[in-house]
C-alpha cells in the first residue's frame, strides 16, 4: 500500500517532522515524525507520494498516524494502479 498527499494539501518539512496545510479548510496539522515521513518532490497542486522510512519499530503508531491523516483528508491510500 502506498500513500499520497492530496493535491489540495501543502506539506512543509520542519525540524519536528511535517506541517500539513489543507487549502480547502485552511487547517494546519503538525506531525511529530522527525525524518520518518517525507514527501516526494512535485509541483504545487500535484499529488505526491508520502515516503515512510520506519517509525522506530512502532508499526501500530505508524498505522494510527496514517489513519488519522486519511480521516482528515490529507492523504489517500493507493495500490499504485490509479
C-alpha atoms as a PDB file:
ATOM      1  CA  UNK A   1       0.000   0.000   0.000  1.00  0.00           C
ATOM      2  CA  UNK A   2       1.255   3.471  -0.887  1.00  0.00           C
ATOM      3  CA  UNK A   3       0.054   6.802   0.445  1.00  0.00           C
ATOM      4  CA  UNK A   4      -0.138  10.057  -1.461  1.00  0.00           C
ATOM      5  CA  UNK A   5      -0.641  13.588  -0.259  1.00  0.00           C
ATOM      6  CA  UNK A   6      -3.679  15.096  -1.961  1.00  0.00           C
ATOM      7  CA  UNK A   7      -3.152  17.923  -4.431  1.00  0.00           C
ATOM      8  CA  UNK A   8      -5.085  20.358  -2.242  1.00  0.00           C
ATOM      9  CA  UNK A   9      -2.618  19.848   0.620  1.00  0.00           C
ATOM     10  CA  UNK A  10       0.694  21.631   1.010  1.00  0.00           C
ATOM     11  CA  UNK A  11       3.398  19.967   3.101  1.00  0.00           C
ATOM     12  CA  UNK A  12       6.432  21.660   4.588  1.00  0.00           C
ATOM     13  CA  UNK A  13       9.280  19.868   6.337  1.00  0.00           C
ATOM     14  CA  UNK A  14      10.065  21.224   9.799  1.00  0.00           C
ATOM     15  CA  UNK A  15      12.579  20.271  12.491  1.00  0.00           C
ATOM     16  CA  UNK A  16       9.882  18.254  14.309  1.00  0.00           C
ATOM     17  CA  UNK A  17       8.540  16.484  11.211  1.00  0.00           C
ATOM     18  CA  UNK A  18       5.907  17.705   8.742  1.00  0.00           C
ATOM     19  CA  UNK A  19       3.447  20.562   8.651  1.00  0.00           C
ATOM     20  CA  UNK A  20       0.346  19.863   6.539  1.00  0.00           C
ATOM     21  CA  UNK A  21      -1.777  22.773   5.281  1.00  0.00           C
ATOM     22  CA  UNK A  22      -5.175  21.899   3.806  1.00  0.00           C
ATOM     23  CA  UNK A  23      -6.056  24.643   1.314  1.00  0.00           C
ATOM     24  CA  UNK A  24      -9.733  23.619   1.322  1.00  0.00           C
ATOM     25  CA  UNK A  25     -10.221  24.353   5.014  1.00  0.00           C
ATOM     26  CA  UNK A  26      -7.061  26.371   5.811  1.00  0.00           C
ATOM     27  CA  UNK A  27      -6.351  23.998   8.693  1.00  0.00           C
ATOM     28  CA  UNK A  28      -2.859  23.089   9.873  1.00  0.00           C
ATOM     29  CA  UNK A  29      -1.783  19.665  11.060  1.00  0.00           C
ATOM     30  CA  UNK A  30       1.559  19.156  12.793  1.00  0.00           C
ATOM     31  CA  UNK A  31       3.082  15.669  12.635  1.00  0.00           C
ATOM     32  CA  UNK A  32       5.975  14.943  15.000  1.00  0.00           C
ATOM     33  CA  UNK A  33       7.674  12.365  12.822  1.00  0.00           C
ATOM     34  CA  UNK A  34      11.267  13.597  12.702  1.00  0.00           C
ATOM     35  CA  UNK A  35      12.783  12.257   9.500  1.00  0.00           C
ATOM     36  CA  UNK A  36      10.485   9.235   9.420  1.00  0.00           C
ATOM     37  CA  UNK A  37       7.997  10.802   6.999  1.00  0.00           C
ATOM     38  CA  UNK A  38       8.947  12.791   3.924  1.00  0.00           C
ATOM     39  CA  UNK A  39       7.107  13.805   0.784  1.00  0.00           C
ATOM     40  CA  UNK A  40       8.350  13.181  -2.742  1.00  0.00           C
ATOM     41  CA  UNK A  41       9.054  16.319  -4.761  1.00  0.00           C
ATOM     42  CA  UNK A  42       6.389  17.632  -7.099  1.00  0.00           C
ATOM     43  CA  UNK A  43       4.656  20.698  -8.421  1.00  0.00           C
ATOM     44  CA  UNK A  44       2.050  22.582  -6.371  1.00  0.00           C
ATOM     45  CA  UNK A  45      -1.381  21.052  -6.869  1.00  0.00           C
ATOM     46  CA  UNK A  46       0.001  17.606  -7.753  1.00  0.00           C
ATOM     47  CA  UNK A  47      -0.483  14.545  -5.627  1.00  0.00           C
ATOM     48  CA  UNK A  48       2.855  13.430  -4.183  1.00  0.00           C
ATOM     49  CA  UNK A  49       3.915  10.210  -2.542  1.00  0.00           C
ATOM     50  CA  UNK A  50       4.286  10.132   1.239  1.00  0.00           C
ATOM     51  CA  UNK A  51       7.535   8.290   1.955  1.00  0.00           C
ATOM     52  CA  UNK A  52       7.777   6.284   5.174  1.00  0.00           C
ATOM     53  CA  UNK A  53      11.231   5.356   6.484  1.00  0.00           C
ATOM     54  CA  UNK A  54      10.049   3.383   9.521  1.00  0.00           C
ATOM     55  CA  UNK A  55       8.765   4.511  12.872  1.00  0.00           C
ATOM     56  CA  UNK A  56      11.303   3.363  15.437  1.00  0.00           C
ATOM     57  CA  UNK A  57       9.912  -0.150  15.281  1.00  0.00           C
ATOM     58  CA  UNK A  58       6.390   1.025  16.211  1.00  0.00           C
ATOM     59  CA  UNK A  59       4.119  -0.151  13.386  1.00  0.00           C
ATOM     60  CA  UNK A  60       0.957   0.451  15.452  1.00  0.00           C
ATOM     61  CA  UNK A  61       1.830   4.127  15.922  1.00  0.00           C
ATOM     62  CA  UNK A  62       2.545   4.483  12.212  1.00  0.00           C
ATOM     63  CA  UNK A  63      -0.767   2.850  11.293  1.00  0.00           C
ATOM     64  CA  UNK A  64      -2.688   5.160  13.668  1.00  0.00           C
ATOM     65  CA  UNK A  65      -0.960   8.236  12.270  1.00  0.00           C
ATOM     66  CA  UNK A  66      -1.682   7.251   8.665  1.00  0.00           C
ATOM     67  CA  UNK A  67      -5.317   6.541   9.560  1.00  0.00           C
ATOM     68  CA  UNK A  68      -5.657   9.969  11.196  1.00  0.00           C
ATOM     69  CA  UNK A  69      -4.160  11.698   8.155  1.00  0.00           C
ATOM     70  CA  UNK A  70      -6.586   9.763   5.913  1.00  0.00           C
ATOM     71  CA  UNK A  71      -9.569  10.697   8.093  1.00  0.00           C
ATOM     72  CA  UNK A  72      -8.585  14.366   7.871  1.00  0.00           C
ATOM     73  CA  UNK A  73      -8.470  14.044   4.073  1.00  0.00           C
ATOM     74  CA  UNK A  74      -4.787  14.956   3.865  1.00  0.00           C
ATOM     75  CA  UNK A  75      -3.602  11.706   2.296  1.00  0.00           C
ATOM     76  CA  UNK A  76      -5.147   8.799   0.481  1.00  0.00           C
ATOM     77  CA  UNK A  77      -4.141   5.171   0.134  1.00  0.00           C
ATOM     78  CA  UNK A  78      -3.439   3.738  -3.282  1.00  0.00           C
ATOM     79  CA  UNK A  79      -2.373   0.394  -4.617  1.00  0.00           C
ATOM     80  CA  UNK A  80      -0.485   2.086  -7.423  1.00  0.00           C
ATOM     81  CA  UNK A  81      -2.984   1.277 -10.195  1.00  0.00           C
ATOM     82  CA  UNK A  82      -4.717   4.666 -10.152  1.00  0.00           C
END
